[in-house]
Structures are given as structure tokens and as C-alpha cells.
PDB file of all heavy atoms in Angstrom:
ATOM      1  N   ARG A   1       0.853  -1.187   0.000  1.00  0.00           N
ATOM      2  CA  ARG A   1       0.000   0.000   0.000  1.00  0.00           C
ATOM      3  C   ARG A   1       0.885   1.231   0.000  1.00  0.00           C
ATOM      4  O   ARG A   1       1.778   1.358   0.822  1.00  0.00           O
ATOM      5  CB  ARG A   1      -0.921  -0.015   1.216  1.00  0.00           C
ATOM      6  CG  ARG A   1      -1.830   1.200   1.291  1.00  0.00           C
ATOM      7  CD  ARG A   1      -2.927   1.019   2.302  1.00  0.00           C
ATOM      8  NE  ARG A   1      -3.957   0.123   1.831  1.00  0.00           N
ATOM      9  CZ  ARG A   1      -4.934   0.481   0.991  1.00  0.00           C
ATOM     10  NH1 ARG A   1      -4.983   1.686   0.530  1.00  0.00           N
ATOM     11  NH2 ARG A   1      -5.830  -0.395   0.622  1.00  0.00           N
ATOM     12  N   ILE A   2       0.629   2.128  -0.958  1.00  0.00           N
ATOM     13  CA  ILE A   2       1.386   3.367  -1.078  1.00  0.00           C
ATOM     14  C   ILE A   2       0.364   4.492  -1.191  1.00  0.00           C
ATOM     15  O   ILE A   2      -0.371   4.561  -2.175  1.00  0.00           O
ATOM     16  CB  ILE A   2       2.311   3.346  -2.312  1.00  0.00           C
ATOM     17  CG1 ILE A   2       3.239   2.127  -2.266  1.00  0.00           C
ATOM     18  CG2 ILE A   2       3.120   4.633  -2.393  1.00  0.00           C
ATOM     19  CD1 ILE A   2       3.946   1.841  -3.571  1.00  0.00           C
ATOM     20  N   GLY A   3       0.293   5.328  -0.184  1.00  0.00           N
ATOM     21  CA  GLY A   3      -0.758   6.335  -0.167  1.00  0.00           C
ATOM     22  C   GLY A   3      -2.103   5.627  -0.105  1.00  0.00           C
ATOM     23  O   GLY A   3      -2.314   4.742   0.719  1.00  0.00           O
ATOM     24  N   ASN A   4      -2.999   5.969  -1.017  1.00  0.00           N
ATOM     25  CA  ASN A   4      -4.299   5.298  -1.043  1.00  0.00           C
ATOM     26  C   ASN A   4      -4.383   4.250  -2.156  1.00  0.00           C
ATOM     27  O   ASN A   4      -5.470   3.836  -2.540  1.00  0.00           O
ATOM     28  CB  ASN A   4      -5.430   6.326  -1.178  1.00  0.00           C
ATOM     29  CG  ASN A   4      -5.338   7.121  -2.479  1.00  0.00           C
ATOM     30  OD1 ASN A   4      -4.421   6.925  -3.269  1.00  0.00           O
ATOM     31  ND2 ASN A   4      -6.286   8.011  -2.691  1.00  0.00           N
ATOM     32  N   GLN A   5      -3.234   3.819  -2.673  1.00  0.00           N
ATOM     33  CA  GLN A   5      -3.188   2.804  -3.728  1.00  0.00           C
ATOM     34  C   GLN A   5      -2.559   1.521  -3.185  1.00  0.00           C
ATOM     35  O   GLN A   5      -1.684   1.561  -2.328  1.00  0.00           O
ATOM     36  CB  GLN A   5      -2.347   3.292  -4.911  1.00  0.00           C
ATOM     37  CG  GLN A   5      -2.895   4.528  -5.601  1.00  0.00           C
ATOM     38  CD  GLN A   5      -1.944   5.007  -6.684  1.00  0.00           C
ATOM     39  OE1 GLN A   5      -0.721   4.914  -6.548  1.00  0.00           O
ATOM     40  NE2 GLN A   5      -2.495   5.527  -7.766  1.00  0.00           N
ATOM     41  N   GLU A   6      -3.002   0.394  -3.741  1.00  0.00           N
ATOM     42  CA  GLU A   6      -2.414  -0.894  -3.390  1.00  0.00           C
ATOM     43  C   GLU A   6      -1.891  -1.554  -4.668  1.00  0.00           C
ATOM     44  O   GLU A   6      -2.664  -1.968  -5.532  1.00  0.00           O
ATOM     45  CB  GLU A   6      -3.444  -1.788  -2.705  1.00  0.00           C
ATOM     46  CG  GLU A   6      -2.836  -3.033  -2.116  1.00  0.00           C
ATOM     47  CD  GLU A   6      -3.829  -3.845  -1.304  1.00  0.00           C
ATOM     48  OE1 GLU A   6      -4.859  -3.282  -0.890  1.00  0.00           O
ATOM     49  OE2 GLU A   6      -3.574  -5.038  -1.110  1.00  0.00           O
ATOM     50  N   TRP A   7      -0.571  -1.646  -4.774  1.00  0.00           N
ATOM     51  CA  TRP A   7       0.108  -2.147  -5.968  1.00  0.00           C
ATOM     52  C   TRP A   7       0.608  -3.565  -5.756  1.00  0.00           C
ATOM     53  O   TRP A   7       0.946  -3.954  -4.646  1.00  0.00           O
ATOM     54  CB  TRP A   7       1.322  -1.265  -6.282  1.00  0.00           C
ATOM     55  CG  TRP A   7       0.994   0.122  -6.717  1.00  0.00           C
ATOM     56  CD1 TRP A   7       0.694   1.186  -5.918  1.00  0.00           C
ATOM     57  CD2 TRP A   7       0.943   0.601  -8.059  1.00  0.00           C
ATOM     58  NE1 TRP A   7       0.461   2.298  -6.676  1.00  0.00           N
ATOM     59  CE2 TRP A   7       0.606   1.967  -8.002  1.00  0.00           C
ATOM     60  CE3 TRP A   7       1.160   0.004  -9.302  1.00  0.00           C
ATOM     61  CZ2 TRP A   7       0.478   2.756  -9.141  1.00  0.00           C
ATOM     62  CZ3 TRP A   7       1.028   0.782 -10.442  1.00  0.00           C
ATOM     63  CH2 TRP A   7       0.691   2.138 -10.348  1.00  0.00           C
ATOM     64  N   MET A   8       0.701  -4.320  -6.839  1.00  0.00           N
ATOM     65  CA  MET A   8       1.400  -5.597  -6.787  1.00  0.00           C
ATOM     66  C   MET A   8       2.883  -5.324  -6.560  1.00  0.00           C
ATOM     67  O   MET A   8       3.402  -4.305  -7.004  1.00  0.00           O
ATOM     68  CB  MET A   8       1.222  -6.368  -8.092  1.00  0.00           C
ATOM     69  CG  MET A   8      -0.133  -6.973  -8.275  1.00  0.00           C
ATOM     70  SD  MET A   8      -0.168  -7.995  -9.773  1.00  0.00           S
ATOM     71  CE  MET A   8      -1.718  -8.832  -9.545  1.00  0.00           C
ATOM     72  N   THR A   9       3.566  -6.237  -5.897  1.00  0.00           N
ATOM     73  CA  THR A   9       4.985  -6.054  -5.612  1.00  0.00           C
ATOM     74  C   THR A   9       5.877  -6.717  -6.661  1.00  0.00           C
ATOM     75  O   THR A   9       7.095  -6.648  -6.559  1.00  0.00           O
ATOM     76  CB  THR A   9       5.341  -6.630  -4.226  1.00  0.00           C
ATOM     77  OG1 THR A   9       4.961  -8.010  -4.183  1.00  0.00           O
ATOM     78  CG2 THR A   9       4.627  -5.852  -3.125  1.00  0.00           C
ATOM     79  N   ARG A  10       5.278  -7.353  -7.661  1.00  0.00           N
ATOM     80  CA  ARG A  10       6.032  -7.996  -8.744  1.00  0.00           C
ATOM     81  C   ARG A  10       5.421  -7.621 -10.087  1.00  0.00           C
ATOM     82  O   ARG A  10       4.245  -7.273 -10.164  1.00  0.00           O
ATOM     83  CB  ARG A  10       6.000  -9.519  -8.609  1.00  0.00           C
ATOM     84  CG  ARG A  10       6.724 -10.045  -7.383  1.00  0.00           C
ATOM     85  CD  ARG A  10       6.694 -11.566  -7.291  1.00  0.00           C
ATOM     86  NE  ARG A  10       7.083 -12.234  -8.523  1.00  0.00           N
ATOM     87  CZ  ARG A  10       8.324 -12.557  -8.857  1.00  0.00           C
ATOM     88  NH1 ARG A  10       9.317 -12.253  -8.049  1.00  0.00           N
ATOM     89  NH2 ARG A  10       8.585 -13.193  -9.985  1.00  0.00           N
ATOM     90  N   ASN A  11       6.217  -7.736 -11.124  1.00  0.00           N
ATOM     91  CA  ASN A  11       5.712  -7.507 -12.475  1.00  0.00           C
ATOM     92  C   ASN A  11       4.775  -8.642 -12.864  1.00  0.00           C
ATOM     93  O   ASN A  11       4.959  -9.794 -12.455  1.00  0.00           O
ATOM     94  CB  ASN A  11       6.859  -7.434 -13.479  1.00  0.00           C
ATOM     95  CG  ASN A  11       7.742  -6.239 -13.253  1.00  0.00           C
ATOM     96  OD1 ASN A  11       7.382  -5.299 -12.551  1.00  0.00           O
ATOM     97  ND2 ASN A  11       8.919  -6.263 -13.846  1.00  0.00           N
ATOM     98  N   LEU A  12       3.813  -8.320 -13.695  1.00  0.00           N
ATOM     99  CA  LEU A  12       2.834  -9.304 -14.151  1.00  0.00           C
ATOM    100  C   LEU A  12       3.534 -10.429 -14.909  1.00  0.00           C
ATOM    101  O   LEU A  12       4.480 -10.195 -15.667  1.00  0.00           O
ATOM    102  CB  LEU A  12       1.794  -8.608 -15.038  1.00  0.00           C
ATOM    103  CG  LEU A  12       0.532  -9.416 -15.330  1.00  0.00           C
ATOM    104  CD1 LEU A  12      -0.239  -9.713 -14.041  1.00  0.00           C
ATOM    105  CD2 LEU A  12      -0.363  -8.648 -16.302  1.00  0.00           C
ATOM    106  N   ASP A  13       3.039 -11.651 -14.706  1.00  0.00           N
ATOM    107  CA  ASP A  13       3.658 -12.833 -15.310  1.00  0.00           C
ATOM    108  C   ASP A  13       2.573 -13.838 -15.693  1.00  0.00           C
ATOM    109  O   ASP A  13       2.578 -14.972 -15.235  1.00  0.00           O
ATOM    110  CB  ASP A  13       4.659 -13.445 -14.318  1.00  0.00           C
ATOM    111  CG  ASP A  13       5.494 -14.545 -14.934  1.00  0.00           C
ATOM    112  OD1 ASP A  13       5.581 -14.625 -16.168  1.00  0.00           O
ATOM    113  OD2 ASP A  13       6.048 -15.358 -14.158  1.00  0.00           O
ATOM    114  N   VAL A  14       1.615 -13.400 -16.492  1.00  0.00           N
ATOM    115  CA  VAL A  14       0.526 -14.279 -16.933  1.00  0.00           C
ATOM    116  C   VAL A  14       0.624 -14.506 -18.432  1.00  0.00           C
ATOM    117  O   VAL A  14       1.116 -13.652 -19.167  1.00  0.00           O
ATOM    118  CB  VAL A  14      -0.863 -13.706 -16.565  1.00  0.00           C
ATOM    119  CG1 VAL A  14      -1.014 -13.555 -15.056  1.00  0.00           C
ATOM    120  CG2 VAL A  14      -1.120 -12.364 -17.255  1.00  0.00           C
ATOM    121  N   ASP A  15       0.155 -15.668 -18.867  1.00  0.00           N
ATOM    122  CA  ASP A  15       0.142 -15.965 -20.308  1.00  0.00           C
ATOM    123  C   ASP A  15      -1.273 -16.143 -20.839  1.00  0.00           C
ATOM    124  O   ASP A  15      -1.469 -16.568 -21.968  1.00  0.00           O
ATOM    125  CB  ASP A  15       1.002 -17.190 -20.628  1.00  0.00           C
ATOM    126  CG  ASP A  15       0.483 -18.469 -19.984  1.00  0.00           C
ATOM    127  OD1 ASP A  15      -0.531 -18.421 -19.248  1.00  0.00           O
ATOM    128  OD2 ASP A  15       1.096 -19.525 -20.217  1.00  0.00           O
ATOM    129  N   ARG A  16      -2.258 -15.811 -20.010  1.00  0.00           N
ATOM    130  CA  ARG A  16      -3.663 -15.884 -20.413  1.00  0.00           C
ATOM    131  C   ARG A  16      -4.379 -14.597 -20.017  1.00  0.00           C
ATOM    132  O   ARG A  16      -4.057 -13.987 -19.002  1.00  0.00           O
ATOM    133  CB  ARG A  16      -4.373 -17.052 -19.733  1.00  0.00           C
ATOM    134  CG  ARG A  16      -3.892 -18.407 -20.209  1.00  0.00           C
ATOM    135  CD  ARG A  16      -4.614 -19.549 -19.506  1.00  0.00           C
ATOM    136  NE  ARG A  16      -4.107 -20.823 -19.965  1.00  0.00           N
ATOM    137  CZ  ARG A  16      -4.599 -21.483 -21.010  1.00  0.00           C
ATOM    138  NH1 ARG A  16      -5.620 -20.973 -21.680  1.00  0.00           N
ATOM    139  NH2 ARG A  16      -4.075 -22.629 -21.383  1.00  0.00           N
ATOM    140  N   PHE A  17      -5.370 -14.249 -20.820  1.00  0.00           N
ATOM    141  CA  PHE A  17      -6.248 -13.149 -20.449  1.00  0.00           C
ATOM    142  C   PHE A  17      -7.156 -13.609 -19.313  1.00  0.00           C
ATOM    143  O   PHE A  17      -7.266 -14.808 -19.022  1.00  0.00           O
ATOM    144  CB  PHE A  17      -7.077 -12.696 -21.650  1.00  0.00           C
ATOM    145  CG  PHE A  17      -6.271 -11.986 -22.701  1.00  0.00           C
ATOM    146  CD1 PHE A  17      -6.058 -12.574 -23.944  1.00  0.00           C
ATOM    147  CD2 PHE A  17      -5.726 -10.736 -22.462  1.00  0.00           C
ATOM    148  CE1 PHE A  17      -5.322 -11.924 -24.922  1.00  0.00           C
ATOM    149  CE2 PHE A  17      -4.982 -10.075 -23.427  1.00  0.00           C
ATOM    150  CZ  PHE A  17      -4.787 -10.673 -24.660  1.00  0.00           C
ATOM    151  N   ARG A  18      -7.821 -12.673 -18.685  1.00  0.00           N
ATOM    152  CA  ARG A  18      -8.694 -12.974 -17.550  1.00  0.00           C
ATOM    153  C   ARG A  18      -9.779 -13.994 -17.918  1.00  0.00           C
ATOM    154  O   ARG A  18     -10.198 -14.785 -17.086  1.00  0.00           O
ATOM    155  CB  ARG A  18      -9.335 -11.684 -17.035  1.00  0.00           C
ATOM    156  CG  ARG A  18     -10.047 -11.867 -15.705  1.00  0.00           C
ATOM    157  CD  ARG A  18     -10.699 -10.609 -15.224  1.00  0.00           C
ATOM    158  NE  ARG A  18      -9.711  -9.573 -14.961  1.00  0.00           N
ATOM    159  CZ  ARG A  18     -10.009  -8.328 -14.618  1.00  0.00           C
ATOM    160  NH1 ARG A  18     -11.274  -7.962 -14.503  1.00  0.00           N
ATOM    161  NH2 ARG A  18      -9.077  -7.449 -14.397  1.00  0.00           N
ATOM    162  N   ASN A  19     -10.216 -13.992 -19.178  1.00  0.00           N
ATOM    163  CA  ASN A  19     -11.264 -14.929 -19.591  1.00  0.00           C
ATOM    164  C   ASN A  19     -10.725 -16.319 -19.919  1.00  0.00           C
ATOM    165  O   ASN A  19     -11.477 -17.210 -20.295  1.00  0.00           O
ATOM    166  CB  ASN A  19     -12.040 -14.374 -20.784  1.00  0.00           C
ATOM    167  CG  ASN A  19     -11.258 -14.431 -22.084  1.00  0.00           C
ATOM    168  OD1 ASN A  19     -10.049 -14.695 -22.087  1.00  0.00           O
ATOM    169  ND2 ASN A  19     -11.924 -14.197 -23.195  1.00  0.00           N
ATOM    170  N   GLY A  20      -9.398 -16.532 -19.808  1.00  0.00           N
ATOM    171  CA  GLY A  20      -8.801 -17.843 -20.066  1.00  0.00           C
ATOM    172  C   GLY A  20      -8.152 -17.996 -21.428  1.00  0.00           C
ATOM    173  O   GLY A  20      -7.437 -18.975 -21.664  1.00  0.00           O
ATOM    174  N   ASP A  21      -8.387 -17.073 -22.350  1.00  0.00           N
ATOM    175  CA  ASP A  21      -7.755 -17.153 -23.674  1.00  0.00           C
ATOM    176  C   ASP A  21      -6.248 -16.962 -23.554  1.00  0.00           C
ATOM    177  O   ASP A  21      -5.787 -16.103 -22.790  1.00  0.00           O
ATOM    178  CB  ASP A  21      -8.307 -16.067 -24.614  1.00  0.00           C
ATOM    179  CG  ASP A  21      -9.740 -16.318 -25.032  1.00  0.00           C
ATOM    180  OD1 ASP A  21     -10.284 -17.409 -24.741  1.00  0.00           O
ATOM    181  OD2 ASP A  21     -10.331 -15.398 -25.643  1.00  0.00           O
ATOM    182  N   LEU A  22      -5.498 -17.732 -24.343  1.00  0.00           N
ATOM    183  CA  LEU A  22      -4.042 -17.588 -24.360  1.00  0.00           C
ATOM    184  C   LEU A  22      -3.631 -16.265 -24.996  1.00  0.00           C
ATOM    185  O   LEU A  22      -4.213 -15.845 -25.997  1.00  0.00           O
ATOM    186  CB  LEU A  22      -3.409 -18.723 -25.161  1.00  0.00           C
ATOM    187  CG  LEU A  22      -3.184 -20.040 -24.417  1.00  0.00           C
ATOM    188  CD1 LEU A  22      -2.728 -21.112 -25.396  1.00  0.00           C
ATOM    189  CD2 LEU A  22      -2.162 -19.873 -23.311  1.00  0.00           C
ATOM    190  N   ILE A  23      -2.619 -15.636 -24.416  1.00  0.00           N
ATOM    191  CA  ILE A  23      -1.988 -14.468 -25.030  1.00  0.00           C
ATOM    192  C   ILE A  23      -0.847 -15.014 -25.886  1.00  0.00           C
ATOM    193  O   ILE A  23      -0.033 -15.800 -25.392  1.00  0.00           O
ATOM    194  CB  ILE A  23      -1.412 -13.519 -23.959  1.00  0.00           C
ATOM    195  CG1 ILE A  23      -2.493 -13.109 -22.961  1.00  0.00           C
ATOM    196  CG2 ILE A  23      -0.787 -12.279 -24.614  1.00  0.00           C
ATOM    197  CD1 ILE A  23      -1.943 -12.475 -21.689  1.00  0.00           C
ATOM    198  N   PRO A  24      -0.754 -14.657 -27.152  1.00  0.00           N
ATOM    199  CA  PRO A  24       0.311 -15.199 -28.004  1.00  0.00           C
ATOM    200  C   PRO A  24       1.712 -14.889 -27.464  1.00  0.00           C
ATOM    201  O   PRO A  24       2.016 -13.752 -27.115  1.00  0.00           O
ATOM    202  CB  PRO A  24       0.072 -14.521 -29.349  1.00  0.00           C
ATOM    203  CG  PRO A  24      -1.377 -14.163 -29.339  1.00  0.00           C
ATOM    204  CD  PRO A  24      -1.686 -13.813 -27.908  1.00  0.00           C
ATOM    205  N   HIS A  25       2.529 -15.932 -27.393  1.00  0.00           N
ATOM    206  CA  HIS A  25       3.936 -15.807 -27.013  1.00  0.00           C
ATOM    207  C   HIS A  25       4.721 -15.639 -28.305  1.00  0.00           C
ATOM    208  O   HIS A  25       4.754 -16.539 -29.138  1.00  0.00           O
ATOM    209  CB  HIS A  25       4.377 -17.059 -26.258  1.00  0.00           C
ATOM    210  CG  HIS A  25       5.809 -17.058 -25.868  1.00  0.00           C
ATOM    211  ND1 HIS A  25       6.461 -18.189 -25.461  1.00  0.00           N
ATOM    212  CD2 HIS A  25       6.734 -16.062 -25.809  1.00  0.00           C
ATOM    213  CE1 HIS A  25       7.722 -17.907 -25.178  1.00  0.00           C
ATOM    214  NE2 HIS A  25       7.902 -16.620 -25.381  1.00  0.00           N
ATOM    215  N   VAL A  26       5.349 -14.478 -28.484  1.00  0.00           N
ATOM    216  CA  VAL A  26       6.027 -14.152 -29.737  1.00  0.00           C
ATOM    217  C   VAL A  26       7.518 -13.972 -29.468  1.00  0.00           C
ATOM    218  O   VAL A  26       7.915 -13.094 -28.707  1.00  0.00           O
ATOM    219  CB  VAL A  26       5.426 -12.881 -30.379  1.00  0.00           C
ATOM    220  CG1 VAL A  26       6.155 -12.536 -31.660  1.00  0.00           C
ATOM    221  CG2 VAL A  26       3.930 -13.074 -30.633  1.00  0.00           C
TER     222      VAL A  26
END
């Protein structure tokens, strides 16, 4: 938590969209 925001402490590392579809690995 920083000020009134709550951030993830790591960079995003997903290979699928929220709906389950694969994001192309290029």
C-alpha cells in the first residue's frame, strides 16, 4: 500500500487473459 493505492509487488507474469484465452507468445 502506497498512499491510497495498493500495488502488486512484482511484475505481471501471466500468459492468459482474464477470460482464459491464451496471449500469443512471440
